[in-house]
């Protein structure tokens, strides 16, 4: 079972106190024993001197054992000491433990260490075993002096058992004092740990909250000591960290918003080629699924892109390339630059993918337009130049040829004028120079006007031209644009429909309250391979026949731009040998038109 902080602090404090007190106890005991021995020795010497004074007169008179022995017994009565009086020659004159005949049988004490030392130095002390009483004794002896001369030795002995009892008593007193000190130390540690454990517990709990991500937790600062300072530092650190994380989150949100708003795709990889980031534009454009964390080879299976990444990772230099992504059938202009890696790691690479498909298409259209316009203009110019040269060479003097040549020149000039006019019209439509004029329009009325205006051309070509009214509703549109759209479509239908054919113009209701106008014929039709490009400028299904009929190749391109400018849509259905059907879908109101 794990102890709590307060318990650990208290156990530590109590253990430290116990160790200190035990050390004091074991270190102090020898000193106590020494001091007790010194005190006992001093006491015995004092008693020996007192005894010497008592027997001084008797020894000086030469008193025998019968006189001295009672004095010694009286001196030792009530005490645990042995008192002995020794003559200068070493004979024992009196002893508190031995009397009568036994006294005469005692050994001579002249060679006893304490006796010899007392006679030599004035005091003698010895610790040894006594053969007389059969136990260890501590001896203290002093000389007995009378009238300036030494007349004997007074010796006092104490049993070591009594000394040990005194030492034991001191040890018990010391142990009791130490136990009392230990108890007081335990109480103090309990009180001190109570005051320290609570703030430390609060600090630890706050630290756990910080580690768990709750940077809003705070420590209540109640102290002004080191713990209080630690709490203030932790609170300040949490404030700073919270502020920095918030700033990082805001910066990350800004970056993500920027990346999400970008039309260009962005891909970032580390030095190993693992994808770190891919924005929404890239995910949509390349149809990627969860690329982050995977190697770029798994994400973009395109050799050119992989080579570009590897070159940037190897050289650390900017690289540019234009790559066609085959599975998406799109072209991207890619810029790859080094990308700072994590601290201590090599740099990665970041790539931007700019969709250049439309630009390539426009470049192709522009090239085709220049080539087609040049070709369309070159043919009539060459013809005009040829007829002019013929006239200059003398044909002007031949009335029949001159008139015929001038007619050809006018025809080609009119064709060039029509081509230039169509080009200007297309340019105005693309630039938005002529915005739509909105008004309520009944499609059937415009259909009737267009059919009436082309009835003469249809009659000359012996093509049946009729209109069909299926109840088209009134719509908000540009009547002039709608009329020009239908004129273009009807003129093409009449021109390309062979003699004996028919052309119908039908108007009826469309989706969401709109209207649909259909121009259908039973002419030669259009091959399916031409349908996707039929509204491109200068695109002709049958170039020779188109020029023969005087077409510029811009009519359907103008139709498309006229329709898109007012929110309408033009589509075509056709089958070779069965004719064509052009549909003009007009929305109900202006709210359906593009902004």
Protein backbone atom coordinates (compact mmCIF):
# COMPACT_ATOMS: atom_id res chain seq x y z
CA UNK A 1 0.00 0.00 0.00
CA UNK A 2 1.48 3.35 -1.06
CA UNK A 3 1.83 5.93 1.68
CA UNK A 4 0.44 9.38 1.13
CA UNK A 5 2.62 12.45 0.96
CA UNK A 6 1.87 13.49 4.52
CA UNK A 7 2.50 9.96 5.83
CA UNK A 8 5.80 9.76 3.98
CA UNK A 9 6.87 13.14 5.32
CA UNK A 10 5.88 12.17 8.87
CA UNK A 11 7.59 8.75 8.69
CA UNK A 12 10.69 10.41 7.29
CA UNK A 13 10.75 13.04 10.03
CA UNK A 14 10.11 10.52 12.82
CA UNK A 15 12.70 8.12 11.41
CA UNK A 16 15.23 10.94 11.22
CA UNK A 17 14.46 11.95 14.81
CA UNK A 18 14.70 8.34 15.98
CA UNK A 19 18.01 7.87 14.20
CA UNK A 20 19.37 11.06 15.71
CA UNK A 21 18.22 10.14 19.21
CA UNK A 22 19.61 6.61 18.93
CA UNK A 23 22.90 8.03 17.75
CA UNK A 24 22.90 10.40 20.71
CA UNK A 25 22.08 7.50 23.03
CA UNK A 26 24.84 5.18 21.80
CA UNK A 27 27.39 7.95 21.51
CA UNK A 28 26.58 9.43 24.95
CA UNK A 29 26.56 6.14 26.91
CA UNK A 30 30.39 5.71 27.03
CA UNK A 31 30.73 9.30 28.11
CA UNK A 32 28.08 8.81 30.79
CA UNK A 33 29.89 5.68 31.98
CA UNK A 34 33.20 7.54 32.10
CA UNK A 35 31.67 10.44 33.94
CA UNK A 36 29.98 8.09 36.43
CA UNK A 37 33.29 6.33 37.01
CA UNK A 38 35.06 9.66 37.57
CA UNK A 39 32.34 10.77 39.95
CA UNK A 40 32.54 7.46 41.87
CA UNK A 41 36.32 7.71 42.02
CA UNK A 42 36.07 11.25 43.40
CA UNK A 43 33.51 10.12 45.94
CA UNK A 44 35.65 7.21 47.08
CA UNK A 45 38.69 9.48 47.42
CA UNK A 46 36.63 11.92 49.50
CA UNK A 47 35.47 9.09 51.75
CA UNK A 48 39.05 7.80 52.00
CA UNK A 49 40.25 11.24 53.15
CA UNK A 50 37.44 11.42 55.68
CA UNK A 51 38.40 8.01 57.00
CA UNK A 52 42.02 9.09 57.19
CA UNK A 53 41.07 11.98 59.45
CA UNK A 54 39.05 9.65 61.65
CA UNK A 55 41.93 7.21 62.23
CA UNK A 56 44.74 9.76 62.14
CA UNK A 57 45.13 10.11 65.93
CA UNK A 58 44.89 6.40 66.59
CA UNK A 59 47.50 5.52 63.99
CA UNK A 60 49.77 8.24 65.38
CA UNK A 61 49.51 6.72 68.91
CA UNK A 62 50.18 3.21 67.53
CA UNK A 63 46.60 1.99 68.31
CA UNK A 64 45.88 -1.66 67.51
CA UNK A 65 43.06 -3.39 65.67
CA UNK A 66 40.83 -3.40 68.73
CA UNK A 67 40.70 0.42 68.61
CA UNK A 68 40.79 1.02 64.86
CA UNK A 69 38.43 -1.72 63.67
CA UNK A 70 35.32 -0.25 65.36
CA UNK A 71 36.12 3.13 63.85
CA UNK A 72 36.36 1.58 60.35
CA UNK A 73 33.17 -0.42 60.85
CA UNK A 74 31.39 2.77 61.94
CA UNK A 75 32.71 4.63 58.86
CA UNK A 76 31.45 1.91 56.48
CA UNK A 77 28.07 1.42 58.18
CA UNK A 78 25.12 2.35 55.97
CA UNK A 79 27.25 2.48 52.86
CA UNK A 80 28.08 -0.12 50.20
CA UNK A 81 31.79 0.50 50.55
CA UNK A 82 34.64 -1.48 52.13
CA UNK A 83 37.01 0.55 54.32
CA UNK A 84 40.55 -0.67 55.04
CA UNK A 85 43.39 0.85 57.11
CA UNK A 86 46.88 -0.28 56.09
CA UNK A 87 50.05 0.31 58.07
CA UNK A 88 53.14 1.68 56.36
CA UNK A 89 54.61 -1.81 56.21
CA UNK A 90 51.54 -3.13 54.41
CA UNK A 91 49.89 -4.94 57.35
CA UNK A 92 46.12 -4.50 57.44
CA UNK A 93 45.26 -2.81 60.74
CA UNK A 94 41.46 -2.62 60.23
CA UNK A 95 38.93 -3.69 57.64
CA UNK A 96 35.15 -3.22 57.55
CA UNK A 97 34.64 -6.65 55.94
CA UNK A 98 37.04 -8.68 58.17
CA UNK A 99 37.42 -8.74 61.99
CA UNK A 100 39.17 -10.66 64.71
CA UNK A 101 41.51 -13.55 63.84
CA UNK A 102 40.64 -13.26 60.13
CA UNK A 103 42.17 -9.81 60.09
CA UNK A 104 45.57 -11.24 61.03
CA UNK A 105 45.37 -13.72 58.16
CA UNK A 106 44.95 -11.04 55.50
CA UNK A 107 47.74 -10.68 53.00
CA UNK A 108 50.19 -7.85 53.22
CA UNK A 109 48.88 -4.92 51.18
CA UNK A 110 52.14 -3.12 50.61
CA UNK A 111 52.21 -4.20 46.94
CA UNK A 112 48.62 -3.22 46.22
CA UNK A 113 48.60 -0.72 43.30
CA UNK A 114 46.37 1.79 44.98
CA UNK A 115 48.43 1.68 48.17
CA UNK A 116 51.69 2.12 46.37
CA UNK A 117 50.24 4.97 44.26
CA UNK A 118 48.77 6.70 47.32
CA UNK A 119 52.09 6.65 49.16
CA UNK A 120 53.87 7.83 46.00
CA UNK A 121 51.52 10.55 44.73
CA UNK A 122 49.03 11.25 47.52
CA UNK A 123 46.06 9.41 45.85
CA UNK A 124 45.74 5.93 44.41
CA UNK A 125 42.93 4.38 42.38
CA UNK A 126 42.66 0.84 41.09
CA UNK A 127 39.99 -1.37 39.53
CA UNK A 128 40.59 -5.08 40.13
CA UNK A 129 39.29 -8.33 41.61
CA UNK A 130 39.42 -8.72 45.40
CA UNK A 131 40.52 -12.12 46.64
CA UNK A 132 39.25 -11.31 50.13
CA UNK A 133 35.61 -10.63 49.20
CA UNK A 134 35.62 -12.50 45.88
CA UNK A 135 34.33 -9.74 43.53
CA UNK A 136 35.56 -6.81 41.40
CA UNK A 137 36.06 -3.61 43.34
CA UNK A 138 37.06 -0.03 42.66
CA UNK A 139 39.75 1.04 45.15
CA UNK A 140 40.62 4.60 46.20
CA UNK A 141 43.45 5.18 48.72
CA UNK A 142 45.02 8.21 50.38
CA UNK A 143 47.91 8.46 52.88
CA UNK A 144 47.12 9.12 56.58
CA UNK A 145 49.28 11.96 57.79
CA UNK A 146 49.90 13.26 61.31
CA UNK A 147 52.11 16.15 62.20
CA UNK A 148 53.59 16.18 58.74
CA UNK A 149 54.49 12.52 58.57
CA UNK A 150 52.73 9.56 56.99
CA UNK A 151 51.47 7.03 59.48
CA UNK A 152 49.46 4.72 57.23
CA UNK A 153 47.04 4.43 54.28
CA UNK A 154 43.23 4.73 54.34
CA UNK A 155 41.54 2.80 51.49
CA UNK A 156 37.86 2.76 50.41
CA UNK A 157 36.55 0.19 47.92
CA UNK A 158 33.21 0.05 46.08
CA UNK A 159 31.76 -3.03 44.43
CA UNK A 160 31.41 -2.67 40.61
CA UNK A 161 27.93 -4.12 40.91
CA UNK A 162 26.85 -1.02 42.72
CA UNK A 163 28.68 1.07 40.16
CA UNK A 164 26.90 -0.73 37.34
CA UNK A 165 23.60 -0.12 39.10
CA UNK A 166 24.40 3.58 39.14
CA UNK A 167 25.31 3.50 35.48
CA UNK A 168 22.09 1.62 34.70
CA UNK A 169 20.15 4.25 36.57
CA UNK A 170 21.81 6.96 34.47
CA UNK A 171 21.08 4.95 31.31
CA UNK A 172 17.43 4.66 32.22
CA UNK A 173 17.20 8.36 32.92
CA UNK A 174 18.89 9.13 29.60
CA UNK A 175 16.61 6.69 27.74
CA UNK A 176 13.54 8.26 29.31
CA UNK A 177 14.74 11.70 28.29
CA UNK A 178 15.39 10.45 24.76
CA UNK A 179 11.97 8.82 24.55
CA UNK A 180 10.40 12.04 25.73
CA UNK A 181 12.37 13.93 23.10
CA UNK A 182 11.30 11.36 20.46
CA UNK A 183 7.65 11.81 21.39
CA UNK A 184 7.97 15.55 21.15
CA UNK A 185 9.73 15.20 17.77
CA UNK A 186 6.89 12.97 16.52
CA UNK A 187 4.30 15.51 17.61
CA UNK A 188 6.23 18.34 16.01
CA UNK A 189 6.67 16.38 12.76
CA UNK A 190 2.93 15.64 12.75
CA UNK A 191 2.17 19.32 13.07
CA UNK A 192 4.76 20.41 10.54
CA UNK A 193 3.78 17.79 7.98
CA UNK A 194 0.17 18.86 8.34
CA UNK A 195 1.12 22.38 7.36
CA UNK A 196 3.35 21.21 4.48
CA UNK A 197 1.34 18.28 3.14
CA UNK A 198 -1.74 20.32 2.27
CA UNK A 199 -0.06 22.89 0.01
CA UNK A 200 2.15 20.18 -1.50
CA UNK A 201 -0.94 18.07 -2.17
CA UNK A 202 -2.61 21.02 -3.88
CA UNK A 203 0.51 21.61 -5.99
CA UNK A 204 0.65 17.94 -6.98
CA UNK A 205 -3.05 17.88 -7.88
CA UNK A 206 -2.63 21.00 -10.01
CA UNK A 207 0.39 19.40 -11.70
CA UNK A 208 -1.75 16.34 -12.51
CA UNK A 209 -4.40 18.62 -14.00
CA UNK A 210 -1.75 20.38 -16.10
CA UNK A 211 -0.41 17.03 -17.30
CA UNK A 212 -3.95 15.95 -18.22
CA UNK A 213 -4.36 19.07 -20.37
CA UNK A 214 -6.47 21.16 -17.98
CA UNK A 215 -4.41 24.33 -18.04
CA UNK A 216 -7.27 26.24 -16.43
CA UNK A 217 -6.53 24.66 -13.03
CA UNK A 218 -4.87 26.97 -10.53
CA UNK A 219 -3.19 26.59 -7.11
CA UNK A 220 -4.47 28.69 -4.20
CA UNK A 221 -1.49 30.58 -2.82
CA UNK A 222 -1.77 30.81 0.99
CA UNK A 223 1.91 30.96 1.94
CA UNK A 224 4.78 33.36 1.39
CA UNK A 225 7.56 30.77 1.76
CA UNK A 226 9.19 28.54 -0.87
CA UNK A 227 5.99 26.50 -1.34
CA UNK A 228 4.03 29.65 -1.98
CA UNK A 229 6.66 30.81 -4.46
CA UNK A 230 6.52 27.41 -6.19
CA UNK A 231 2.72 27.67 -6.46
CA UNK A 232 3.01 31.17 -7.97
CA UNK A 233 5.62 29.96 -10.47
CA UNK A 234 3.43 27.02 -11.53
CA UNK A 235 0.38 29.27 -11.91
CA UNK A 236 2.39 31.73 -13.99
CA UNK A 237 3.81 28.91 -16.11
CA UNK A 238 0.30 27.59 -16.72
CA UNK A 239 -0.85 31.08 -17.75
CA UNK A 240 2.05 31.41 -20.16
CA UNK A 241 1.58 27.92 -21.57
CA UNK A 242 -2.17 28.46 -21.96
CA UNK A 243 -1.56 31.72 -23.77
CA UNK A 244 1.03 30.15 -26.07
CA UNK A 245 -1.18 27.16 -26.83
CA UNK A 246 -4.06 29.51 -27.60
CA UNK A 247 -1.80 31.50 -29.92
CA UNK A 248 -0.63 28.27 -31.58
CA UNK A 249 -4.26 27.18 -31.99
CA UNK A 250 -5.19 30.56 -33.49
CA UNK A 251 -2.19 30.42 -35.81
CA UNK A 252 -3.07 26.85 -36.79
CA UNK A 253 -6.67 27.86 -37.44
CA UNK A 254 -5.48 30.77 -39.59
CA UNK A 255 -3.17 28.50 -41.56
CA UNK A 256 -5.90 25.90 -42.01
CA UNK A 257 -8.33 28.60 -43.15
CA UNK A 258 -5.76 29.91 -45.62
CA UNK A 259 -5.01 26.41 -46.90
CA UNK A 260 -8.71 25.59 -47.16
CA UNK A 261 -9.42 28.80 -49.06
CA UNK A 262 -6.58 28.20 -51.51
CA UNK A 263 -7.52 27.02 -54.97
CA UNK A 264 -4.06 25.52 -55.35
CA UNK A 265 -3.30 22.18 -53.78
CA UNK A 266 -0.62 22.02 -51.05
CA UNK A 267 1.33 18.91 -50.07
CA UNK A 268 4.03 18.82 -47.35
CA UNK A 269 6.28 15.82 -46.68
CA UNK A 270 9.06 15.21 -44.16
CA UNK A 271 12.63 14.14 -44.98
CA UNK A 272 11.49 10.51 -45.19
CA UNK A 273 8.74 11.33 -47.67
CA UNK A 274 5.86 10.85 -45.22
CA UNK A 275 2.93 13.20 -45.84
CA UNK A 276 2.56 15.84 -43.11
CA UNK A 277 -0.16 18.00 -44.66
CA UNK A 278 -2.54 18.03 -47.61
CA UNK A 279 -5.17 20.75 -48.03
CA UNK A 280 -8.74 20.31 -49.28
CA UNK A 281 -7.97 21.61 -52.76
CA UNK A 282 -5.40 18.84 -53.24
CA UNK A 283 -7.72 16.19 -51.80
CA UNK A 284 -10.48 17.23 -54.20
CA UNK A 285 -8.25 17.75 -57.20
CA UNK A 286 -6.40 14.43 -56.98
CA UNK A 287 -9.18 12.49 -55.22
CA UNK A 288 -6.96 11.54 -52.26
CA UNK A 289 -8.18 9.60 -49.23
CA UNK A 290 -6.52 10.20 -45.83
CA UNK A 291 -2.99 10.89 -47.11
CA UNK A 292 -1.48 12.24 -43.85
CA UNK A 293 0.97 9.81 -42.28
CA UNK A 294 1.46 7.75 -45.44
CA UNK A 295 4.40 7.82 -47.84
CA UNK A 296 3.92 10.05 -50.87
CA UNK A 297 4.41 7.02 -53.17
CA UNK A 298 1.22 5.51 -51.74
CA UNK A 299 -0.64 8.81 -52.11
CA UNK A 300 0.39 10.16 -55.54
CA UNK A 301 1.37 7.36 -57.92
CA UNK A 302 3.00 9.65 -60.45
CA UNK A 303 6.68 9.20 -61.34
CA UNK A 304 7.24 12.88 -62.19
CA UNK A 305 5.88 14.06 -58.83
CA UNK A 306 8.03 11.54 -56.94
CA UNK A 307 11.12 12.62 -58.86
CA UNK A 308 10.41 16.26 -58.05
CA UNK A 309 10.08 15.51 -54.31
CA UNK A 310 13.24 13.42 -54.23
CA UNK A 311 15.22 16.12 -56.04
CA UNK A 312 14.15 18.79 -53.53
CA UNK A 313 14.91 16.49 -50.57
CA UNK A 314 18.32 15.71 -52.04
CA UNK A 315 19.42 19.18 -53.15
CA UNK A 316 17.39 21.45 -50.84
CA UNK A 317 16.65 23.74 -53.79
CA UNK A 318 13.47 25.04 -55.40
CA UNK A 319 12.17 23.08 -58.39
CA UNK A 320 9.39 23.77 -60.93
CA UNK A 321 7.61 21.34 -63.22
CA UNK A 322 4.41 20.90 -65.19
CA UNK A 323 2.95 17.43 -64.74
CA UNK A 324 -0.04 15.75 -66.28
CA UNK A 325 -1.87 13.66 -63.69
CA UNK A 326 -2.99 10.83 -65.90
CA UNK A 327 -5.75 9.28 -63.82
CA UNK A 328 -7.41 12.70 -63.35
CA UNK A 329 -6.68 13.91 -66.90
CA UNK A 330 -5.52 17.23 -65.53
CA UNK A 331 -2.33 19.25 -65.83
CA UNK A 332 -0.70 20.84 -62.77
CA UNK A 333 2.06 23.42 -62.55
CA UNK A 334 4.02 22.24 -59.48
CA UNK A 335 6.41 24.36 -57.40
CA UNK A 336 8.47 22.40 -54.86
CA UNK A 337 10.59 24.08 -52.15
CA UNK A 338 12.41 22.84 -49.01
CA UNK A 339 10.26 22.57 -45.88
CA UNK A 340 11.86 23.10 -42.41
CA UNK A 341 11.88 19.86 -40.46
CA UNK A 342 11.66 19.25 -36.73
CA UNK A 343 14.62 20.27 -34.58
CA UNK A 344 17.56 18.06 -35.44
CA UNK A 345 15.86 16.57 -38.51
CA UNK A 346 16.69 17.22 -42.19
CA UNK A 347 14.30 19.46 -44.14
CA UNK A 348 11.28 18.07 -45.95
CA UNK A 349 9.53 19.46 -49.02
CA UNK A 350 6.33 21.40 -49.68
CA UNK A 351 4.64 21.34 -53.09
CA UNK A 352 1.94 23.58 -54.52
CA UNK A 353 -0.27 22.18 -57.28
CA UNK A 354 -1.73 24.86 -59.56
CA UNK A 355 -4.35 23.47 -61.94
CA UNK A 356 -3.09 24.47 -65.37
CA UNK A 357 -5.61 22.39 -67.31
CA UNK A 358 -7.79 25.36 -68.23
CA UNK A 359 -4.77 27.45 -69.12
CA UNK A 360 -3.51 24.71 -71.40
CA UNK A 361 -6.95 24.42 -72.96
CA UNK A 362 -7.12 28.18 -73.44
CA UNK A 363 -3.62 28.18 -74.89
CA UNK A 364 -4.70 25.50 -77.33
CA UNK A 365 -7.88 27.41 -78.17
CA UNK A 366 -5.85 30.59 -78.59
CA UNK A 367 -3.40 28.86 -80.92
CA UNK A 368 -6.24 27.24 -82.81
CA UNK A 369 -8.05 30.58 -82.98
CA UNK A 370 -5.03 32.37 -84.38
CA UNK A 371 -4.40 29.58 -86.84
CA UNK A 372 -8.07 29.34 -87.85
CA UNK A 373 -8.58 33.11 -88.06
CA UNK A 374 -5.43 33.42 -90.12
CA UNK A 375 -6.61 30.61 -92.37
CA UNK A 376 -10.11 32.02 -92.70
CA UNK A 377 -8.75 35.44 -93.60
CA UNK A 378 -5.98 34.15 -95.82
CA UNK A 379 -8.34 32.35 -98.21
CA UNK A 380 -10.48 35.37 -99.22
CA UNK A 381 -7.44 37.66 -99.19
CA UNK A 382 -5.61 35.32 -101.54
CA UNK A 383 -8.64 35.21 -103.81
CA UNK A 384 -9.04 39.00 -103.77
CA UNK A 385 -5.32 39.47 -104.50
CA UNK A 386 -5.56 37.04 -107.38
CA UNK A 387 -8.56 38.77 -108.95
CA UNK A 388 -6.93 42.19 -108.48
CA UNK A 389 -3.76 40.97 -110.20
CA UNK A 390 -5.86 39.57 -113.01
CA UNK A 391 -7.57 42.92 -113.43
CA UNK A 392 -4.22 44.67 -113.38
CA UNK A 393 -2.92 42.30 -116.01
CA UNK A 394 -5.60 43.48 -118.50
CA UNK A 395 -8.82 41.83 -117.48
CA UNK A 396 -10.14 45.28 -116.55
CA UNK A 397 -10.35 46.02 -120.27
CA UNK A 398 -12.54 42.93 -120.79
CA UNK A 399 -15.98 43.96 -119.55
CA UNK A 400 -17.33 40.44 -119.02
CA UNK A 401 -14.28 39.20 -117.09
CA UNK A 402 -13.92 42.46 -115.19
CA UNK A 403 -17.51 42.31 -114.00
CA UNK A 404 -17.13 38.67 -113.00
CA UNK A 405 -13.87 39.34 -111.15
CA UNK A 406 -15.32 42.33 -109.34
CA UNK A 407 -18.24 40.19 -108.24
CA UNK A 408 -15.86 37.62 -106.82
CA UNK A 409 -13.93 40.35 -105.04
CA UNK A 410 -17.15 41.65 -103.48
CA UNK A 411 -18.15 38.14 -102.39
CA UNK A 412 -14.84 37.52 -100.64
CA UNK A 413 -14.84 41.02 -99.15
CA UNK A 414 -18.35 40.40 -97.77
CA UNK A 415 -17.14 37.10 -96.35
CA UNK A 416 -14.20 38.83 -94.67
CA UNK A 417 -16.50 41.54 -93.34
CA UNK A 418 -18.85 38.88 -91.94
CA UNK A 419 -15.91 37.09 -90.33
CA UNK A 420 -14.58 40.29 -88.76
CA UNK A 421 -18.06 41.21 -87.59
CA UNK A 422 -18.50 37.79 -85.97
CA UNK A 423 -15.10 38.08 -84.29
CA UNK A 424 -15.98 41.51 -82.90
CA UNK A 425 -19.33 40.22 -81.73
CA UNK A 426 -17.70 37.25 -79.99
CA UNK A 427 -15.17 39.56 -78.36
CA UNK A 428 -17.91 41.86 -77.08
CA UNK A 429 -19.85 38.91 -75.68
CA UNK A 430 -16.82 37.46 -73.89
CA UNK A 431 -15.82 40.79 -72.38
CA UNK A 432 -19.34 41.48 -71.08
CA UNK A 433 -19.44 44.71 -73.00
CA UNK A 434 -23.11 44.18 -73.79
CA UNK A 435 -25.01 43.02 -70.70
CA UNK A 436 -28.47 41.44 -71.15
CA UNK A 437 -31.58 43.64 -71.21
CA UNK A 438 -34.12 41.89 -69.02
CA UNK A 439 -37.78 41.82 -69.98
CA UNK A 440 -40.73 39.47 -70.05
CA UNK A 441 -40.53 37.36 -73.18
CA UNK A 442 -43.01 34.93 -74.74
CA UNK A 443 -40.80 32.44 -76.63
CA UNK A 444 -43.55 31.49 -79.11
CA UNK A 445 -43.69 35.07 -80.45
CA UNK A 446 -39.91 35.15 -81.07
CA UNK A 447 -40.12 31.73 -82.72
CA UNK A 448 -42.86 33.03 -85.02
CA UNK A 449 -40.75 36.09 -86.00
CA UNK A 450 -37.67 33.96 -86.75
CA UNK A 451 -39.62 31.39 -88.79
CA UNK A 452 -41.28 34.17 -90.79
CA UNK A 453 -37.93 35.88 -91.52
CA UNK A 454 -36.37 32.65 -92.85
CA UNK A 455 -39.38 31.39 -94.76
CA UNK A 456 -38.03 32.98 -97.98
CA UNK A 457 -34.65 31.20 -97.65
CA UNK A 458 -36.41 27.94 -96.87
CA UNK A 459 -38.71 28.36 -99.85
CA UNK A 460 -35.79 28.96 -102.21
CA UNK A 461 -34.11 25.81 -100.93
CA UNK A 462 -37.42 23.91 -101.03
CA UNK A 463 -37.12 23.08 -97.31
CA UNK A 464 -40.28 22.93 -95.23
CA UNK A 465 -39.96 25.37 -92.28
CA UNK A 466 -42.66 25.38 -89.63
CA UNK A 467 -43.14 26.22 -86.01
CA UNK A 468 -44.76 24.22 -83.22
CA UNK A 469 -46.25 25.90 -80.15
CA UNK A 470 -46.50 23.60 -77.14
CA UNK A 471 -47.48 26.36 -74.71
CA UNK A 472 -44.16 27.79 -73.56
CA UNK A 473 -44.65 30.14 -70.55
CA UNK A 474 -43.49 33.74 -70.34
CA UNK A 475 -39.91 34.05 -69.08
CA UNK A 476 -37.65 36.93 -68.03
CA UNK A 477 -34.86 37.03 -70.61
CA UNK A 478 -33.16 39.15 -73.28
CA UNK A 479 -35.47 39.00 -76.30
CA UNK A 480 -32.79 40.20 -78.72
CA UNK A 481 -30.30 37.56 -77.60
CA UNK A 482 -32.90 34.81 -77.81
CA UNK A 483 -33.86 35.96 -81.32
CA UNK A 484 -30.24 35.96 -82.50
CA UNK A 485 -29.71 32.49 -81.02
CA UNK A 486 -32.72 31.12 -82.90
CA UNK A 487 -31.77 32.95 -86.11
CA UNK A 488 -28.33 31.32 -86.03
CA UNK A 489 -29.73 27.86 -85.35
CA UNK A 490 -32.57 28.12 -87.90
CA UNK A 491 -30.23 29.53 -90.59
CA UNK A 492 -27.80 26.63 -90.05
CA UNK A 493 -30.65 24.12 -90.14
CA UNK A 494 -32.06 25.51 -93.39
CA UNK A 495 -28.61 25.75 -95.01
CA UNK A 496 -27.53 22.20 -94.20
CA UNK A 497 -30.88 20.48 -94.73
CA UNK A 498 -31.05 19.12 -98.30
CA UNK A 499 -33.85 19.97 -100.72
CA UNK A 500 -37.13 18.36 -99.76
CA UNK A 501 -36.20 18.26 -96.07
CA UNK A 502 -37.96 19.86 -93.14
CA UNK A 503 -37.03 22.13 -90.24
CA UNK A 504 -39.25 22.59 -87.18
CA UNK A 505 -38.95 25.17 -84.40
CA UNK A 506 -40.90 24.14 -81.27
CA UNK A 507 -41.41 26.07 -78.05
CA UNK A 508 -42.73 24.51 -74.85
CA UNK A 509 -42.51 24.54 -71.04
CA UNK A 510 -39.26 23.67 -69.27
CA UNK A 511 -38.27 22.80 -65.72
CA UNK A 512 -38.98 25.15 -62.76
CA UNK A 513 -41.27 27.42 -64.81
CA UNK A 514 -38.76 27.95 -67.62
CA UNK A 515 -39.11 27.36 -71.35
CA UNK A 516 -37.41 25.18 -73.97
CA UNK A 517 -37.09 26.06 -77.65
CA UNK A 518 -36.07 23.21 -79.97
CA UNK A 519 -34.76 23.53 -83.53
CA UNK A 520 -34.87 20.13 -85.27
CA UNK A 521 -34.17 19.05 -88.80
CA UNK A 522 -33.83 15.86 -90.83
CA UNK A 523 -30.57 16.87 -92.47
CA UNK A 524 -27.28 14.93 -92.65
CA UNK A 525 -26.73 15.01 -88.88
CA UNK A 526 -23.49 15.34 -86.89
CA UNK A 527 -21.15 12.52 -85.93
CA UNK A 528 -20.77 11.79 -82.21
CA UNK A 529 -17.04 12.53 -82.39
CA UNK A 530 -17.85 16.14 -83.33
CA UNK A 531 -20.52 16.88 -80.73
CA UNK A 532 -18.17 17.78 -77.81
CA UNK A 533 -16.42 20.47 -79.91
CA UNK A 534 -19.22 21.79 -82.07
CA UNK A 535 -19.54 25.03 -80.06
CA UNK A 536 -15.83 25.85 -80.37
CA UNK A 537 -14.83 28.74 -82.63
CA UNK A 538 -13.95 27.90 -86.21
CA UNK A 539 -14.86 24.27 -85.65
CA UNK A 540 -16.52 22.80 -88.71
CA UNK A 541 -17.93 19.34 -89.21
CA UNK A 542 -17.65 19.59 -93.01
CA UNK A 543 -15.18 22.38 -93.74
CA UNK A 544 -15.58 22.40 -97.51
CA UNK A 545 -19.37 22.47 -97.39
CA UNK A 546 -19.36 25.12 -94.63
CA UNK A 547 -17.22 27.49 -96.65
CA UNK A 548 -19.26 26.77 -99.75
CA UNK A 549 -22.35 27.90 -97.85
CA UNK A 550 -20.60 31.03 -96.61
CA UNK A 551 -20.19 30.13 -92.94
CA UNK A 552 -17.50 31.71 -90.78
CA UNK A 553 -17.24 28.88 -88.23
CA UNK A 554 -18.17 31.23 -85.39
CA UNK A 555 -21.95 30.99 -85.42
CA UNK A 556 -22.37 28.27 -82.77
CA UNK A 557 -19.65 29.81 -80.56
CA UNK A 558 -21.65 33.08 -80.65
CA UNK A 559 -24.84 31.12 -79.87
CA UNK A 560 -23.18 29.55 -76.82
CA UNK A 561 -21.96 32.91 -75.46
CA UNK A 562 -25.33 34.58 -76.10
CA UNK A 563 -27.09 31.83 -74.16
CA UNK A 564 -24.67 31.76 -71.24
CA UNK A 565 -24.81 35.56 -70.92
CA UNK A 566 -28.49 35.40 -69.98
CA UNK A 567 -28.36 32.17 -67.97
CA UNK A 568 -29.72 29.94 -70.74
CA UNK A 569 -28.19 26.70 -71.98
CA UNK A 570 -27.73 25.29 -75.48
CA UNK A 571 -27.36 21.53 -76.05
CA UNK A 572 -27.40 19.30 -79.10
CA UNK A 573 -28.44 15.77 -80.00
CA UNK A 574 -27.65 14.35 -83.38
CA UNK A 575 -27.18 11.16 -85.33
CA UNK A 576 -25.64 10.86 -88.74
CA UNK A 577 -28.31 10.49 -91.45
CA UNK A 578 -31.18 11.28 -89.08
CA UNK A 579 -30.78 15.01 -88.50
CA UNK A 580 -30.00 17.19 -85.49
CA UNK A 581 -31.88 18.69 -82.55
CA UNK A 582 -30.68 21.87 -80.80
CA UNK A 583 -32.28 22.73 -77.43
CA UNK A 584 -32.29 26.23 -75.94
CA UNK A 585 -33.28 26.02 -72.24
CA UNK A 586 -34.31 29.39 -70.79
CA UNK A 587 -34.83 29.75 -67.00
CA UNK A 588 -38.04 31.27 -65.65
CA UNK A 589 -36.54 34.42 -64.17
CA UNK A 590 -33.44 36.51 -63.72
CA UNK A 591 -32.58 34.88 -60.40
CA UNK A 592 -31.49 31.79 -62.31
CA UNK A 593 -28.86 33.69 -64.30
CA UNK A 594 -25.18 33.79 -63.35
CA UNK A 595 -23.97 36.76 -61.31
